[in-house]
Amino acid sequence: MIETWKKLAAIDIHTHAEVSCRLPPDPIQAEFERAATAYFGAEPKRPTIAETVDYYRERNIGFVMFSVDSESGSGIRHIPNEEVIEAAQENPDIMLAFASVDPHKGKAGAIEARRLVEDYGVKGFKFHPPIQNYHPYDRMAWPLYEVIAEYKLPAIFHTGHSGMGTGMRGGGGIRLKWGQPMLLDDVAVDFADMTIILAHPSWPWTDEALSMALHKPNVYIDLSGWSPKYFPPQIERYANTQLGHKFLFGSDFPLIMPDRWIADFKAAGFKDKVHEPILKGNALKLLFGEEA
């Protein structure tokens, strides 16, 4: 499979499953989607997983997909991990699945995570502390982190401002403080075998994310959720110098489309030498190991 992925044009590390073929639409999710559509200027109709596979296959771009289990924090019924994983198993040349388990599930969540790894071969996990409503270093999440670290898998953590909830009354109940990157520094120390991917440019705490990626070998940054032409300038500066090996292409599909992201990335101030690592090479090493 590694050889197949090497032939791809790029690897999008951050895409969302938002339409289930197994569950009816969730009214709470619909309210958040309307607000996110207005914030991102996105298309109101969300694609199914099958439509997403077709979109990425047409462009020869590999992608990592996940849902977000935030049931205790938001009340949103999340798309089953198994639905995403099974789609990835049917399309291994183009798609990988990460799972999402609400940290409030504690030990039960850890058991679920182990089952998803051992029975389904899931390749990583996704967390969104603001919408899951928890401090990233809360002890209730430790059993879950321990499983991820045991299998030496990556975990994507939302950081920075949240487009979800923007403009809604009370921000949709989402507390931005849980997206501060430095709250994950203790996690990176105590769970050093878990690769931590800080999702998004982490604004307004961008410098914290850069410091952590510079300091901790197990911390990376995915650049999803923003067009590269709007990145804080220090992103380009560090990508072109000390951290070119730590940045990953991510779009935040379907809220930001990869066609737009890649075009804006190539037009920005990133040096040619970091284009291939950011678009594909760094993700190959992270997802498949050094032999990639």
C-alpha atoms as a PDB file:
ATOM      1  CA  MET A   1       0.000   0.000   0.000  1.00  0.00           C
ATOM      2  CA  ILE A   2       2.896   2.360   0.708  1.00  0.00           C
ATOM      3  CA  GLU A   3       4.064   2.174  -2.903  1.00  0.00           C
ATOM      4  CA  THR A   4       0.567   3.100  -4.087  1.00  0.00           C
ATOM      5  CA  TRP A   5       0.444   6.089  -1.755  1.00  0.00           C
ATOM      6  CA  LYS A   6       3.861   7.264  -2.930  1.00  0.00           C
ATOM      7  CA  LYS A   7       2.354   7.762  -6.394  1.00  0.00           C
ATOM      8  CA  LEU A   8      -0.343  10.145  -5.159  1.00  0.00           C
ATOM      9  CA  ALA A   9      -0.146  13.861  -5.935  1.00  0.00           C
ATOM     10  CA  ALA A  10      -0.746  14.824  -2.279  1.00  0.00           C
ATOM     11  CA  ILE A  11      -2.098  13.531   1.043  1.00  0.00           C
ATOM     12  CA  ASP A  12      -4.837  15.466   2.852  1.00  0.00           C
ATOM     13  CA  ILE A  13      -4.459  14.621   6.539  1.00  0.00           C
ATOM     14  CA  HIS A  14      -7.677  16.351   7.669  1.00  0.00           C
ATOM     15  CA  THR A  15     -11.100  15.585   6.154  1.00  0.00           C
ATOM     16  CA  HIS A  16     -14.477  15.178   7.836  1.00  0.00           C
ATOM     17  CA  ALA A  17     -17.237  12.617   7.459  1.00  0.00           C
ATOM     18  CA  GLU A  18     -20.421  14.632   7.889  1.00  0.00           C
ATOM     19  CA  VAL A  19     -23.147  12.598   6.158  1.00  0.00           C
ATOM     20  CA  SER A  20     -23.999   9.090   7.346  1.00  0.00           C
ATOM     21  CA  CYS A  21     -25.564   6.507   5.081  1.00  0.00           C
ATOM     22  CA  ARG A  22     -26.723   4.588   8.164  1.00  0.00           C
ATOM     23  CA  LEU A  23     -28.169   7.230  10.477  1.00  0.00           C
ATOM     24  CA  PRO A  24     -30.833   9.904   9.885  1.00  0.00           C
ATOM     25  CA  PRO A  25     -29.809  13.595   9.906  1.00  0.00           C
ATOM     26  CA  ASP A  26     -29.148  15.029  13.359  1.00  0.00           C
ATOM     27  CA  PRO A  27     -31.004  18.317  14.063  1.00  0.00           C
ATOM     28  CA  ILE A  28     -28.305  19.630  16.419  1.00  0.00           C
ATOM     29  CA  GLN A  29     -25.600  18.950  13.834  1.00  0.00           C
ATOM     30  CA  ALA A  30     -27.707  20.746  11.208  1.00  0.00           C
ATOM     31  CA  GLU A  31     -27.678  23.914  13.345  1.00  0.00           C
ATOM     32  CA  PHE A  32     -23.874  23.801  13.646  1.00  0.00           C
ATOM     33  CA  GLU A  33     -23.547  23.095   9.920  1.00  0.00           C
ATOM     34  CA  ARG A  34     -25.579  26.170   9.001  1.00  0.00           C
ATOM     35  CA  ALA A  35     -23.313  28.364  11.122  1.00  0.00           C
ATOM     36  CA  ALA A  36     -20.145  26.740   9.709  1.00  0.00           C
ATOM     37  CA  THR A  37     -21.422  27.170   6.144  1.00  0.00           C
ATOM     38  CA  ALA A  38     -21.827  30.899   6.752  1.00  0.00           C
ATOM     39  CA  TYR A  39     -18.417  31.219   8.450  1.00  0.00           C
ATOM     40  CA  PHE A  40     -16.427  29.319   5.810  1.00  0.00           C
ATOM     41  CA  GLY A  41     -18.502  30.334   2.795  1.00  0.00           C
ATOM     42  CA  ALA A  42     -18.851  26.616   2.062  1.00  0.00           C
ATOM     43  CA  GLU A  43     -21.410  24.711   0.052  1.00  0.00           C
ATOM     44  CA  PRO A  44     -24.484  23.975   2.198  1.00  0.00           C
ATOM     45  CA  LYS A  45     -24.834  20.435   0.845  1.00  0.00           C
ATOM     46  CA  ARG A  46     -22.350  18.087   2.507  1.00  0.00           C
ATOM     47  CA  PRO A  47     -20.947  15.139   0.528  1.00  0.00           C
ATOM     48  CA  THR A  48     -21.370  11.508   1.509  1.00  0.00           C
ATOM     49  CA  ILE A  49     -18.314   9.377   2.199  1.00  0.00           C
ATOM     50  CA  ALA A  50     -18.694   7.717  -1.207  1.00  0.00           C
ATOM     51  CA  GLU A  51     -18.861  11.112  -2.930  1.00  0.00           C
ATOM     52  CA  THR A  52     -15.741  12.168  -1.031  1.00  0.00           C
ATOM     53  CA  VAL A  53     -13.864   9.079  -2.219  1.00  0.00           C
ATOM     54  CA  ASP A  54     -14.824   9.890  -5.826  1.00  0.00           C
ATOM     55  CA  TYR A  55     -13.710  13.516  -5.407  1.00  0.00           C
ATOM     56  CA  TYR A  56     -10.251  12.591  -4.098  1.00  0.00           C
ATOM     57  CA  ARG A  57      -9.758   9.714  -6.532  1.00  0.00           C
ATOM     58  CA  GLU A  58     -10.438  12.054  -9.456  1.00  0.00           C
ATOM     59  CA  ARG A  59      -7.610  14.297  -8.205  1.00  0.00           C
ATOM     60  CA  ASN A  60      -5.221  11.465  -7.246  1.00  0.00           C
ATOM     61  CA  ILE A  61      -5.059  12.788  -3.676  1.00  0.00           C
ATOM     62  CA  GLY A  62      -5.003  10.486  -0.663  1.00  0.00           C
ATOM     63  CA  PHE A  63      -6.959  11.496   2.411  1.00  0.00           C
ATOM     64  CA  VAL A  64      -7.466  10.766   6.095  1.00  0.00           C
ATOM     65  CA  MET A  65     -11.103  10.907   7.210  1.00  0.00           C
ATOM     66  CA  PHE A  66     -12.808  10.924  10.605  1.00  0.00           C
ATOM     67  CA  SER A  67     -15.986  11.901  12.367  1.00  0.00           C
ATOM     68  CA  VAL A  68     -15.977  13.642  15.763  1.00  0.00           C
ATOM     69  CA  ASP A  69     -17.509  11.926  18.786  1.00  0.00           C
ATOM     70  CA  SER A  70     -18.659  14.902  20.850  1.00  0.00           C
ATOM     71  CA  GLU A  71     -21.927  13.485  22.133  1.00  0.00           C
ATOM     72  CA  SER A  72     -21.448  14.482  25.771  1.00  0.00           C
ATOM     73  CA  GLY A  73     -20.155  17.950  24.942  1.00  0.00           C
ATOM     74  CA  SER A  74     -22.506  18.922  22.109  1.00  0.00           C
ATOM     75  CA  GLY A  75     -25.297  16.350  22.005  1.00  0.00           C
ATOM     76  CA  ILE A  76     -24.512  15.685  18.322  1.00  0.00           C
ATOM     77  CA  ARG A  77     -24.921  12.040  17.314  1.00  0.00           C
ATOM     78  CA  HIS A  78     -21.658  11.194  15.589  1.00  0.00           C
ATOM     79  CA  ILE A  79     -21.181   9.062  12.491  1.00  0.00           C
ATOM     80  CA  PRO A  80     -20.071   5.579  13.613  1.00  0.00           C
ATOM     81  CA  ASN A  81     -16.334   4.975  13.422  1.00  0.00           C
ATOM     82  CA  GLU A  82     -17.070   1.650  11.757  1.00  0.00           C
ATOM     83  CA  GLU A  83     -18.792   3.378   8.830  1.00  0.00           C
ATOM     84  CA  VAL A  84     -15.700   5.479   8.115  1.00  0.00           C
ATOM     85  CA  ILE A  85     -13.283   2.590   8.682  1.00  0.00           C
ATOM     86  CA  GLU A  86     -15.165   0.220   6.390  1.00  0.00           C
ATOM     87  CA  ALA A  87     -15.123   2.806   3.603  1.00  0.00           C
ATOM     88  CA  ALA A  88     -11.345   3.094   4.037  1.00  0.00           C
ATOM     89  CA  GLN A  89     -10.992  -0.684   3.913  1.00  0.00           C
ATOM     90  CA  GLU A  90     -12.833  -0.657   0.578  1.00  0.00           C
ATOM     91  CA  ASN A  91     -10.562   2.094  -0.776  1.00  0.00           C
ATOM     92  CA  PRO A  92      -7.101   1.461   0.730  1.00  0.00           C
ATOM     93  CA  ASP A  93      -5.280   3.041  -2.224  1.00  0.00           C
ATOM     94  CA  ILE A  94      -6.733   6.479  -1.531  1.00  0.00           C
ATOM     95  CA  MET A  95      -8.268   6.595   1.987  1.00  0.00           C
ATOM     96  CA  LEU A  96      -7.241   6.036   5.624  1.00  0.00           C
ATOM     97  CA  ALA A  97      -9.570   6.211   8.608  1.00  0.00           C
ATOM     98  CA  PHE A  98      -8.949   7.778  11.987  1.00  0.00           C
ATOM     99  CA  ALA A  99     -11.408   7.061  14.795  1.00  0.00           C
ATOM    100  CA  SER A 100     -12.935   9.442  17.317  1.00  0.00           C
ATOM    101  CA  VAL A 101     -13.848   8.454  20.870  1.00  0.00           C
ATOM    102  CA  ASP A 102     -15.323  10.933  23.346  1.00  0.00           C
ATOM    103  CA  PRO A 103     -12.824  11.236  26.253  1.00  0.00           C
ATOM    104  CA  HIS A 104     -15.742  11.452  28.689  1.00  0.00           C
ATOM    105  CA  LYS A 105     -16.191   7.705  28.130  1.00  0.00           C
ATOM    106  CA  GLY A 106     -13.082   7.093  30.261  1.00  0.00           C
ATOM    107  CA  LYS A 107     -12.118   3.427  30.541  1.00  0.00           C
ATOM    108  CA  ALA A 108     -15.030   2.400  28.337  1.00  0.00           C
ATOM    109  CA  GLY A 109     -13.619   4.688  25.662  1.00  0.00           C
ATOM    110  CA  ALA A 110     -10.210   3.050  26.033  1.00  0.00           C
ATOM    111  CA  ILE A 111     -11.803  -0.369  25.508  1.00  0.00           C
ATOM    112  CA  GLU A 112     -13.569   0.957  22.413  1.00  0.00           C
ATOM    113  CA  ALA A 113     -10.318   2.415  21.072  1.00  0.00           C
ATOM    114  CA  ARG A 114      -8.469  -0.881  21.566  1.00  0.00           C
ATOM    115  CA  ARG A 115     -11.244  -2.746  19.743  1.00  0.00           C
ATOM    116  CA  LEU A 116     -11.070  -0.306  16.813  1.00  0.00           C
ATOM    117  CA  VAL A 117      -7.307  -0.791  16.559  1.00  0.00           C
ATOM    118  CA  GLU A 118      -7.224  -4.568  16.972  1.00  0.00           C
ATOM    119  CA  ASP A 119     -10.400  -5.535  15.099  1.00  0.00           C
ATOM    120  CA  TYR A 120     -10.491  -2.809  12.439  1.00  0.00           C
ATOM    121  CA  GLY A 121      -6.883  -1.681  12.127  1.00  0.00           C
ATOM    122  CA  VAL A 122      -7.709   1.995  12.596  1.00  0.00           C
ATOM    123  CA  LYS A 123      -4.674   4.183  11.802  1.00  0.00           C
ATOM    124  CA  GLY A 124      -5.112   7.065  14.267  1.00  0.00           C
ATOM    125  CA  PHE A 125      -7.517   9.150  16.339  1.00  0.00           C
ATOM    126  CA  LYS A 126      -9.143  12.587  16.250  1.00  0.00           C
ATOM    127  CA  PHE A 127      -9.891  14.870  19.222  1.00  0.00           C
ATOM    128  CA  HIS A 128     -11.643  18.247  19.351  1.00  0.00           C
ATOM    129  CA  PRO A 129     -11.309  19.455  22.967  1.00  0.00           C
ATOM    130  CA  PRO A 130     -13.443  22.622  22.543  1.00  0.00           C
ATOM    131  CA  ILE A 131     -16.454  20.796  21.111  1.00  0.00           C
ATOM    132  CA  GLN A 132     -15.852  17.705  23.273  1.00  0.00           C
ATOM    133  CA  ASN A 133     -15.683  20.129  26.219  1.00  0.00           C
ATOM    134  CA  TYR A 134     -12.619  18.883  28.054  1.00  0.00           C
ATOM    135  CA  HIS A 135      -9.142  19.985  29.096  1.00  0.00           C
ATOM    136  CA  PRO A 136      -6.725  17.977  26.903  1.00  0.00           C
ATOM    137  CA  TYR A 137      -4.761  16.852  29.968  1.00  0.00           C
ATOM    138  CA  ASP A 138      -7.805  15.819  32.015  1.00  0.00           C
ATOM    139  CA  ARG A 139      -7.104  12.480  33.692  1.00  0.00           C
ATOM    140  CA  MET A 140     -10.348  11.039  32.325  1.00  0.00           C
ATOM    141  CA  ALA A 141      -8.659  10.961  28.889  1.00  0.00           C
ATOM    142  CA  TRP A 142      -5.520   9.164  30.066  1.00  0.00           C
ATOM    143  CA  PRO A 143      -6.794   5.587  29.570  1.00  0.00           C
ATOM    144  CA  LEU A 144      -7.626   6.520  25.985  1.00  0.00           C
ATOM    145  CA  TYR A 145      -4.245   8.173  25.412  1.00  0.00           C
ATOM    146  CA  GLU A 146      -2.504   5.129  26.903  1.00  0.00           C
ATOM    147  CA  VAL A 147      -4.044   2.880  24.258  1.00  0.00           C
ATOM    148  CA  ILE A 148      -3.031   5.226  21.440  1.00  0.00           C
ATOM    149  CA  ALA A 149       0.515   5.501  22.803  1.00  0.00           C
ATOM    150  CA  GLU A 150       0.761   1.722  23.253  1.00  0.00           C
ATOM    151  CA  TYR A 151       0.141   1.225  19.539  1.00  0.00           C
ATOM    152  CA  LYS A 152       2.306   4.272  18.667  1.00  0.00           C
ATOM    153  CA  LEU A 153      -0.490   5.838  16.638  1.00  0.00           C
ATOM    154  CA  PRO A 154      -0.996   9.508  15.729  1.00  0.00           C
ATOM    155  CA  ALA A 155      -3.762  11.661  17.175  1.00  0.00           C
ATOM    156  CA  ILE A 156      -5.056  14.896  15.649  1.00  0.00           C
ATOM    157  CA  PHE A 157      -6.119  17.559  18.165  1.00  0.00           C
ATOM    158  CA  HIS A 158      -8.085  20.633  17.149  1.00  0.00           C
ATOM    159  CA  THR A 159      -6.264  23.797  18.246  1.00  0.00           C
ATOM    160  CA  GLY A 160      -6.977  27.501  17.966  1.00  0.00           C
ATOM    161  CA  HIS A 161     -10.164  29.269  16.995  1.00  0.00           C
ATOM    162  CA  SER A 162     -13.161  27.083  16.189  1.00  0.00           C
ATOM    163  CA  GLY A 163     -15.176  27.745  13.055  1.00  0.00           C
ATOM    164  CA  MET A 164     -17.741  25.399  14.572  1.00  0.00           C
ATOM    165  CA  GLY A 165     -20.010  27.482  16.774  1.00  0.00           C
ATOM    166  CA  THR A 166     -18.839  30.829  15.388  1.00  0.00           C
ATOM    167  CA  GLY A 167     -21.792  33.231  15.311  1.00  0.00           C
ATOM    168  CA  MET A 168     -24.092  30.938  17.285  1.00  0.00           C
ATOM    169  CA  ARG A 169     -25.598  32.028  20.594  1.00  0.00           C
ATOM    170  CA  GLY A 170     -22.909  31.478  23.233  1.00  0.00           C
ATOM    171  CA  GLY A 171     -20.648  30.124  20.499  1.00  0.00           C
ATOM    172  CA  GLY A 172     -22.783  26.990  20.448  1.00  0.00           C
ATOM    173  CA  GLY A 173     -21.505  26.198  23.942  1.00  0.00           C
ATOM    174  CA  ILE A 174     -17.964  25.716  22.626  1.00  0.00           C
ATOM    175  CA  ARG A 175     -15.190  26.973  24.915  1.00  0.00           C
ATOM    176  CA  LEU A 176     -12.236  28.189  22.874  1.00  0.00           C
ATOM    177  CA  LYS A 177      -9.830  27.903  25.830  1.00  0.00           C
ATOM    178  CA  TRP A 178      -9.625  24.122  25.409  1.00  0.00           C
ATOM    179  CA  GLY A 179      -8.057  24.711  21.987  1.00  0.00           C
ATOM    180  CA  GLN A 180      -4.920  26.385  23.355  1.00  0.00           C
ATOM    181  CA  PRO A 181      -1.972  24.317  22.062  1.00  0.00           C
ATOM    182  CA  MET A 182       0.103  24.613  25.247  1.00  0.00           C
ATOM    183  CA  LEU A 183      -2.549  22.589  27.088  1.00  0.00           C
ATOM    184  CA  LEU A 184      -1.235  19.632  25.075  1.00  0.00           C
ATOM    185  CA  ASP A 185       2.395  20.087  26.139  1.00  0.00           C
ATOM    186  CA  ASP A 186       1.934  17.831  29.186  1.00  0.00           C
ATOM    187  CA  VAL A 187       0.273  15.246  26.939  1.00  0.00           C
ATOM    188  CA  ALA A 188       3.266  15.328  24.597  1.00  0.00           C
ATOM    189  CA  VAL A 189       5.614  14.744  27.539  1.00  0.00           C
ATOM    190  CA  ASP A 190       3.714  12.002  29.353  1.00  0.00           C
ATOM    191  CA  PHE A 191       2.549  10.176  26.208  1.00  0.00           C
ATOM    192  CA  ALA A 192       5.699  10.518  24.141  1.00  0.00           C
ATOM    193  CA  ASP A 193       4.880   7.441  22.039  1.00  0.00           C
ATOM    194  CA  MET A 194       1.710   9.128  20.735  1.00  0.00           C
ATOM    195  CA  THR A 195       2.346  11.384  17.762  1.00  0.00           C
ATOM    196  CA  ILE A 196       0.387  14.599  18.314  1.00  0.00           C
ATOM    197  CA  ILE A 197      -0.820  16.568  15.307  1.00  0.00           C
ATOM    198  CA  LEU A 198      -1.892  20.103  16.194  1.00  0.00           C
ATOM    199  CA  ALA A 199      -4.681  20.835  13.728  1.00  0.00           C
ATOM    200  CA  HIS A 200      -4.902  24.253  12.066  1.00  0.00           C
ATOM    201  CA  PRO A 201      -2.549  27.254  12.387  1.00  0.00           C
ATOM    202  CA  SER A 202      -3.682  27.510  16.057  1.00  0.00           C
ATOM    203  CA  TRP A 203      -4.544  31.229  15.896  1.00  0.00           C
ATOM    204  CA  PRO A 204      -4.539  33.144  18.208  1.00  0.00           C
ATOM    205  CA  TRP A 205      -1.870  30.884  19.792  1.00  0.00           C
ATOM    206  CA  THR A 206       0.197  30.180  16.664  1.00  0.00           C
ATOM    207  CA  ASP A 207       3.552  30.742  18.366  1.00  0.00           C
ATOM    208  CA  GLU A 208       2.733  28.157  21.034  1.00  0.00           C
ATOM    209  CA  ALA A 209       2.164  25.498  18.366  1.00  0.00           C
ATOM    210  CA  LEU A 210       5.406  26.398  16.584  1.00  0.00           C
ATOM    211  CA  SER A 211       7.342  26.216  19.844  1.00  0.00           C
ATOM    212  CA  MET A 212       5.902  22.791  20.658  1.00  0.00           C
ATOM    213  CA  ALA A 213       6.648  21.403  17.182  1.00  0.00           C
ATOM    214  CA  LEU A 214      10.207  22.727  17.468  1.00  0.00           C
ATOM    215  CA  HIS A 215      10.695  21.324  20.980  1.00  0.00           C
ATOM    216  CA  LYS A 216       8.900  17.960  20.899  1.00  0.00           C
ATOM    217  CA  PRO A 217       9.818  15.269  18.309  1.00  0.00           C
ATOM    218  CA  ASN A 218       6.305  13.803  18.567  1.00  0.00           C
ATOM    219  CA  VAL A 219       4.464  17.066  17.753  1.00  0.00           C
ATOM    220  CA  TYR A 220       3.441  18.034  14.204  1.00  0.00           C
ATOM    221  CA  ILE A 221       1.160  20.714  12.745  1.00  0.00           C
ATOM    222  CA  ASP A 222      -1.492  20.262  10.087  1.00  0.00           C
ATOM    223  CA  LEU A 223      -2.385  23.413   8.189  1.00  0.00           C
ATOM    224  CA  SER A 224      -6.089  22.756   7.700  1.00  0.00           C
ATOM    225  CA  GLY A 225      -9.008  25.095   8.166  1.00  0.00           C
ATOM    226  CA  TRP A 226      -7.350  28.148   6.612  1.00  0.00           C
ATOM    227  CA  SER A 227      -6.392  29.188   3.113  1.00  0.00           C
ATOM    228  CA  PRO A 228      -2.571  29.492   3.057  1.00  0.00           C
ATOM    229  CA  LYS A 229      -2.853  33.082   1.865  1.00  0.00           C
ATOM    230  CA  TYR A 230      -4.304  33.983   5.280  1.00  0.00           C
ATOM    231  CA  PHE A 231      -1.740  32.120   7.415  1.00  0.00           C
ATOM    232  CA  PRO A 232       0.043  34.096  10.151  1.00  0.00           C
ATOM    233  CA  PRO A 233       3.439  35.022   8.625  1.00  0.00           C
ATOM    234  CA  GLN A 234       5.462  32.973  11.103  1.00  0.00           C
ATOM    235  CA  ILE A 235       4.008  29.778   9.573  1.00  0.00           C
ATOM    236  CA  GLU A 236       5.830  30.417   6.290  1.00  0.00           C
ATOM    237  CA  ARG A 237       8.994  31.542   8.076  1.00  0.00           C
ATOM    238  CA  TYR A 238       9.304  28.358  10.124  1.00  0.00           C
ATOM    239  CA  ALA A 239       8.209  26.104   7.258  1.00  0.00           C
ATOM    240  CA  ASN A 240      10.997  27.543   5.108  1.00  0.00           C
ATOM    241  CA  THR A 241      13.622  27.116   7.842  1.00  0.00           C
ATOM    242  CA  GLN A 242      13.473  24.927  10.948  1.00  0.00           C
ATOM    243  CA  LEU A 243      10.112  23.159  10.666  1.00  0.00           C
ATOM    244  CA  GLY A 244       9.647  22.172   7.034  1.00  0.00           C
ATOM    245  CA  HIS A 245       9.611  18.524   8.129  1.00  0.00           C
ATOM    246  CA  LYS A 246       6.846  19.087  10.707  1.00  0.00           C
ATOM    247  CA  PHE A 247       4.038  20.621   8.624  1.00  0.00           C
ATOM    248  CA  LEU A 248       1.280  18.587   6.958  1.00  0.00           C
ATOM    249  CA  PHE A 249      -1.229  19.436   4.242  1.00  0.00           C
ATOM    250  CA  GLY A 250      -4.784  19.350   5.537  1.00  0.00           C
ATOM    251  CA  SER A 251      -7.807  21.014   3.998  1.00  0.00           C
ATOM    252  CA  ASP A 252     -10.713  20.639   6.488  1.00  0.00           C
ATOM    253  CA  PHE A 253     -12.842  19.215   3.660  1.00  0.00           C
ATOM    254  CA  PRO A 254     -15.665  19.867   2.932  1.00  0.00           C
ATOM    255  CA  LEU A 255     -15.464  23.315   4.556  1.00  0.00           C
ATOM    256  CA  ILE A 256     -12.292  24.160   2.622  1.00  0.00           C
ATOM    257  CA  MET A 257     -11.687  22.350  -0.656  1.00  0.00           C
ATOM    258  CA  PRO A 258      -8.232  20.925  -1.426  1.00  0.00           C
ATOM    259  CA  ASP A 259      -8.173  22.477  -4.915  1.00  0.00           C
ATOM    260  CA  ARG A 260      -8.339  25.932  -3.370  1.00  0.00           C
ATOM    261  CA  TRP A 261      -5.891  25.097  -0.550  1.00  0.00           C
ATOM    262  CA  ILE A 262      -3.210  23.692  -2.870  1.00  0.00           C
ATOM    263  CA  ALA A 263      -3.520  26.582  -5.357  1.00  0.00           C
ATOM    264  CA  ASP A 264      -3.179  29.145  -2.564  1.00  0.00           C
ATOM    265  CA  PHE A 265      -0.286  27.189  -1.020  1.00  0.00           C
ATOM    266  CA  LYS A 266       1.692  27.211  -4.276  1.00  0.00           C
ATOM    267  CA  ALA A 267       1.045  30.931  -4.708  1.00  0.00           C
ATOM    268  CA  ALA A 268       2.170  31.796  -1.165  1.00  0.00           C
ATOM    269  CA  GLY A 269       5.711  32.292   0.074  1.00  0.00           C
ATOM    270  CA  PHE A 270       6.613  28.667   0.749  1.00  0.00           C
ATOM    271  CA  LYS A 271       9.912  27.706  -0.869  1.00  0.00           C
ATOM    272  CA  ASP A 272       9.885  25.042  -3.562  1.00  0.00           C
ATOM    273  CA  LYS A 273      11.985  22.728  -1.378  1.00  0.00           C
ATOM    274  CA  VAL A 274       9.140  22.347   1.153  1.00  0.00           C
ATOM    275  CA  HIS A 275       6.277  21.863  -1.307  1.00  0.00           C
ATOM    276  CA  GLU A 276       6.657  18.084  -1.655  1.00  0.00           C
ATOM    277  CA  PRO A 277       7.305  17.421   2.068  1.00  0.00           C
ATOM    278  CA  ILE A 278       4.271  19.439   3.158  1.00  0.00           C
ATOM    279  CA  LEU A 279       1.937  18.167   0.450  1.00  0.00           C
ATOM    280  CA  LYS A 280       2.915  14.490   0.755  1.00  0.00           C
ATOM    281  CA  GLY A 281       6.346  13.458   2.067  1.00  0.00           C
ATOM    282  CA  ASN A 282       5.879  14.337   5.734  1.00  0.00           C
ATOM    283  CA  ALA A 283       2.509  12.562   5.823  1.00  0.00           C
ATOM    284  CA  LEU A 284       3.992   9.431   4.220  1.00  0.00           C
ATOM    285  CA  LYS A 285       6.601   9.195   6.973  1.00  0.00           C
ATOM    286  CA  LEU A 286       4.104   9.906   9.729  1.00  0.00           C
ATOM    287  CA  LEU A 287       1.440   7.475   8.493  1.00  0.00           C
ATOM    288  CA  PHE A 288       3.608   4.658   7.171  1.00  0.00           C
ATOM    289  CA  GLY A 289       6.916   4.999   9.018  1.00  0.00           C
ATOM    290  CA  GLU A 290      10.428   5.999   8.116  1.00  0.00           C
ATOM    291  CA  GLU A 291      10.638   3.408   5.340  1.00  0.00           C
ATOM    292  CA  ALA A 292       8.209   5.545   3.351  1.00  0.00           C
END
